[in-house]
Amino acid sequence: MNRKYLQSSNLSAVRYQPYTGVLEVAFHDGQVYQYFKVPAKLYAEMMHASSHGSFFNYNIRRQFTYRKVG
């Protein structure tokens, strides 16, 4: 999983593992979370969204099981 850095006021970087659906999200405050069973289509939509943070907040945060990893 390669980290992709984002131009976002809230999100710093993301990593996505398409085989497992694990989306790892790093925030500017240093916190890192993994979200499980995120569909590849949803990840692709987030990466093409005009606002990564807004897309994440409305479509991923609190919609998928997650755990804090850092």
N, C-alpha and C. Protein backbone atom coordinates (compact mmCIF):
# COMPACT_ATOMS: atom_id res chain seq x y z
N MET A 1 0.85 -1.18 0.00
CA MET A 1 0.00 0.00 0.00
C MET A 1 0.89 1.24 0.00
N ASN A 2 0.88 1.97 -1.08
CA ASN A 2 1.64 3.21 -1.15
C ASN A 2 0.80 4.35 -0.61
N ARG A 3 1.42 5.20 0.16
CA ARG A 3 0.74 6.36 0.72
C ARG A 3 0.60 7.43 -0.36
N LYS A 4 -0.59 8.01 -0.46
CA LYS A 4 -0.84 9.10 -1.39
C LYS A 4 -1.13 10.34 -0.56
N TYR A 5 -0.32 11.36 -0.76
CA TYR A 5 -0.50 12.62 -0.03
C TYR A 5 -1.55 13.46 -0.73
N LEU A 6 -2.36 14.12 0.07
CA LEU A 6 -3.51 14.86 -0.45
C LEU A 6 -3.38 16.35 -0.19
N GLN A 7 -4.01 17.12 -1.06
CA GLN A 7 -4.18 18.56 -0.84
C GLN A 7 -5.55 18.71 -0.18
N SER A 8 -5.57 18.67 1.14
CA SER A 8 -6.82 18.70 1.89
C SER A 8 -6.57 19.44 3.20
N SER A 9 -7.58 20.16 3.67
CA SER A 9 -7.42 20.87 4.93
C SER A 9 -7.52 19.95 6.13
N ASN A 10 -8.04 18.74 5.95
CA ASN A 10 -8.24 17.81 7.05
C ASN A 10 -7.40 16.53 6.91
N LEU A 11 -7.35 15.98 5.71
CA LEU A 11 -6.65 14.72 5.48
C LEU A 11 -5.23 14.99 4.98
N SER A 12 -4.28 14.25 5.52
CA SER A 12 -2.89 14.39 5.10
C SER A 12 -2.54 13.41 3.99
N ALA A 13 -2.92 12.13 4.19
CA ALA A 13 -2.57 11.09 3.22
C ALA A 13 -3.50 9.90 3.39
N VAL A 14 -3.54 9.07 2.36
CA VAL A 14 -4.33 7.83 2.41
C VAL A 14 -3.52 6.70 1.81
N ARG A 15 -3.86 5.49 2.22
CA ARG A 15 -3.36 4.26 1.60
C ARG A 15 -4.58 3.36 1.41
N TYR A 16 -4.57 2.61 0.33
CA TYR A 16 -5.70 1.71 0.08
C TYR A 16 -5.19 0.37 -0.40
N GLN A 17 -5.73 -0.69 0.18
CA GLN A 17 -5.40 -2.07 -0.20
C GLN A 17 -6.65 -2.65 -0.88
N PRO A 18 -6.63 -2.73 -2.21
CA PRO A 18 -7.84 -3.18 -2.91
C PRO A 18 -8.25 -4.62 -2.62
N TYR A 19 -7.29 -5.48 -2.29
CA TYR A 19 -7.63 -6.89 -2.04
C TYR A 19 -8.39 -7.09 -0.74
N THR A 20 -8.13 -6.23 0.24
CA THR A 20 -8.79 -6.36 1.53
C THR A 20 -9.81 -5.26 1.78
N GLY A 21 -9.75 -4.18 0.99
CA GLY A 21 -10.66 -3.05 1.19
C GLY A 21 -10.28 -2.19 2.38
N VAL A 22 -9.03 -2.27 2.82
CA VAL A 22 -8.59 -1.46 3.96
C VAL A 22 -8.14 -0.09 3.45
N LEU A 23 -8.77 0.93 3.98
CA LEU A 23 -8.41 2.31 3.67
C LEU A 23 -7.78 2.91 4.92
N GLU A 24 -6.54 3.32 4.81
CA GLU A 24 -5.85 3.96 5.93
C GLU A 24 -5.83 5.46 5.68
N VAL A 25 -6.29 6.22 6.65
CA VAL A 25 -6.39 7.67 6.52
C VAL A 25 -5.55 8.34 7.59
N ALA A 26 -4.65 9.22 7.14
CA ALA A 26 -3.83 10.00 8.07
C ALA A 26 -4.35 11.44 8.07
N PHE A 27 -4.53 11.98 9.25
CA PHE A 27 -5.02 13.34 9.40
C PHE A 27 -3.86 14.28 9.72
N HIS A 28 -4.06 15.56 9.49
CA HIS A 28 -3.00 16.53 9.74
C HIS A 28 -2.59 16.59 11.21
N ASP A 29 -3.45 16.19 12.11
CA ASP A 29 -3.09 16.22 13.54
C ASP A 29 -2.29 15.00 13.96
N GLY A 30 -1.94 14.13 13.00
CA GLY A 30 -1.11 12.96 13.28
C GLY A 30 -1.86 11.68 13.55
N GLN A 31 -3.17 11.74 13.72
CA GLN A 31 -3.95 10.52 13.95
C GLN A 31 -4.09 9.73 12.66
N VAL A 32 -4.06 8.40 12.79
CA VAL A 32 -4.20 7.51 11.65
C VAL A 32 -5.26 6.47 11.98
N TYR A 33 -6.18 6.25 11.05
CA TYR A 33 -7.25 5.28 11.22
C TYR A 33 -7.28 4.35 10.01
N GLN A 34 -7.70 3.12 10.25
CA GLN A 34 -7.94 2.17 9.17
C GLN A 34 -9.43 1.89 9.13
N TYR A 35 -9.99 1.97 7.93
CA TYR A 35 -11.40 1.68 7.68
C TYR A 35 -11.47 0.40 6.87
N PHE A 36 -12.36 -0.50 7.25
CA PHE A 36 -12.40 -1.84 6.70
C PHE A 36 -13.55 -2.04 5.71
N LYS A 37 -13.26 -2.87 4.69
CA LYS A 37 -14.24 -3.26 3.66
C LYS A 37 -14.77 -2.07 2.87
N VAL A 38 -13.89 -1.12 2.59
CA VAL A 38 -14.25 0.02 1.77
C VAL A 38 -14.16 -0.42 0.30
N PRO A 39 -15.23 -0.30 -0.46
CA PRO A 39 -15.19 -0.72 -1.87
C PRO A 39 -14.21 0.12 -2.69
N ALA A 40 -13.55 -0.52 -3.64
CA ALA A 40 -12.58 0.16 -4.50
C ALA A 40 -13.23 1.33 -5.23
N LYS A 41 -14.48 1.16 -5.63
CA LYS A 41 -15.19 2.23 -6.35
C LYS A 41 -15.32 3.47 -5.47
N LEU A 42 -15.61 3.28 -4.19
CA LEU A 42 -15.75 4.41 -3.28
C LEU A 42 -14.41 5.11 -3.06
N TYR A 43 -13.34 4.33 -2.95
CA TYR A 43 -12.01 4.91 -2.83
C TYR A 43 -11.68 5.74 -4.07
N ALA A 44 -11.95 5.19 -5.25
CA ALA A 44 -11.68 5.92 -6.50
C ALA A 44 -12.48 7.22 -6.56
N GLU A 45 -13.73 7.16 -6.13
CA GLU A 45 -14.56 8.37 -6.12
C GLU A 45 -13.99 9.41 -5.17
N MET A 46 -13.50 8.98 -4.02
CA MET A 46 -12.90 9.91 -3.06
C MET A 46 -11.67 10.58 -3.66
N MET A 47 -10.85 9.80 -4.36
CA MET A 47 -9.63 10.35 -4.92
C MET A 47 -9.90 11.33 -6.06
N HIS A 48 -11.06 11.24 -6.69
CA HIS A 48 -11.42 12.16 -7.77
C HIS A 48 -12.35 13.28 -7.31
N ALA A 49 -12.72 13.28 -6.06
CA ALA A 49 -13.63 14.30 -5.54
C ALA A 49 -12.94 15.66 -5.47
N SER A 50 -13.71 16.71 -5.63
CA SER A 50 -13.14 18.06 -5.55
C SER A 50 -12.69 18.37 -4.12
N SER A 51 -13.32 17.74 -3.15
CA SER A 51 -12.92 17.89 -1.74
C SER A 51 -12.79 16.50 -1.13
N HIS A 52 -11.55 16.05 -0.93
CA HIS A 52 -11.31 14.73 -0.35
C HIS A 52 -11.92 14.64 1.05
N GLY A 53 -11.73 15.69 1.84
CA GLY A 53 -12.22 15.68 3.22
C GLY A 53 -13.73 15.60 3.31
N SER A 54 -14.42 16.38 2.50
CA SER A 54 -15.88 16.35 2.52
C SER A 54 -16.40 15.00 2.06
N PHE A 55 -15.81 14.45 1.00
CA PHE A 55 -16.22 13.14 0.52
C PHE A 55 -16.02 12.10 1.62
N PHE A 56 -14.86 12.14 2.27
CA PHE A 56 -14.57 11.21 3.35
C PHE A 56 -15.61 11.34 4.47
N ASN A 57 -15.88 12.56 4.89
CA ASN A 57 -16.82 12.78 6.00
C ASN A 57 -18.22 12.27 5.69
N TYR A 58 -18.68 12.47 4.47
CA TYR A 58 -20.05 12.08 4.11
C TYR A 58 -20.21 10.62 3.71
N ASN A 59 -19.15 10.01 3.18
CA ASN A 59 -19.29 8.67 2.60
C ASN A 59 -18.51 7.56 3.27
N ILE A 60 -17.54 7.89 4.11
CA ILE A 60 -16.70 6.86 4.71
C ILE A 60 -16.70 6.92 6.23
N ARG A 61 -16.43 8.08 6.79
CA ARG A 61 -16.38 8.22 8.24
C ARG A 61 -17.73 7.79 8.83
N ARG A 62 -17.67 6.97 9.84
CA ARG A 62 -18.84 6.43 10.55
C ARG A 62 -19.72 5.51 9.69
N GLN A 63 -19.30 5.22 8.46
CA GLN A 63 -20.06 4.30 7.60
C GLN A 63 -19.43 2.91 7.60
N PHE A 64 -18.15 2.82 8.01
CA PHE A 64 -17.42 1.56 7.97
C PHE A 64 -16.76 1.30 9.33
N THR A 65 -16.56 0.04 9.63
CA THR A 65 -15.84 -0.33 10.83
C THR A 65 -14.42 0.22 10.73
N TYR A 66 -13.89 0.72 11.83
CA TYR A 66 -12.55 1.33 11.80
C TYR A 66 -11.82 1.06 13.10
N ARG A 67 -10.51 1.33 13.07
CA ARG A 67 -9.72 1.29 14.28
C ARG A 67 -8.63 2.35 14.17
N LYS A 68 -8.26 2.90 15.30
CA LYS A 68 -7.18 3.87 15.36
C LYS A 68 -5.86 3.11 15.40
N VAL A 69 -4.91 3.51 14.55
CA VAL A 69 -3.62 2.83 14.51
C VAL A 69 -2.47 3.77 14.84
N GLY A 70 -2.69 5.02 14.95
CA GLY A 70 -1.61 5.95 15.27
C GLY A 70 -2.11 7.29 15.66
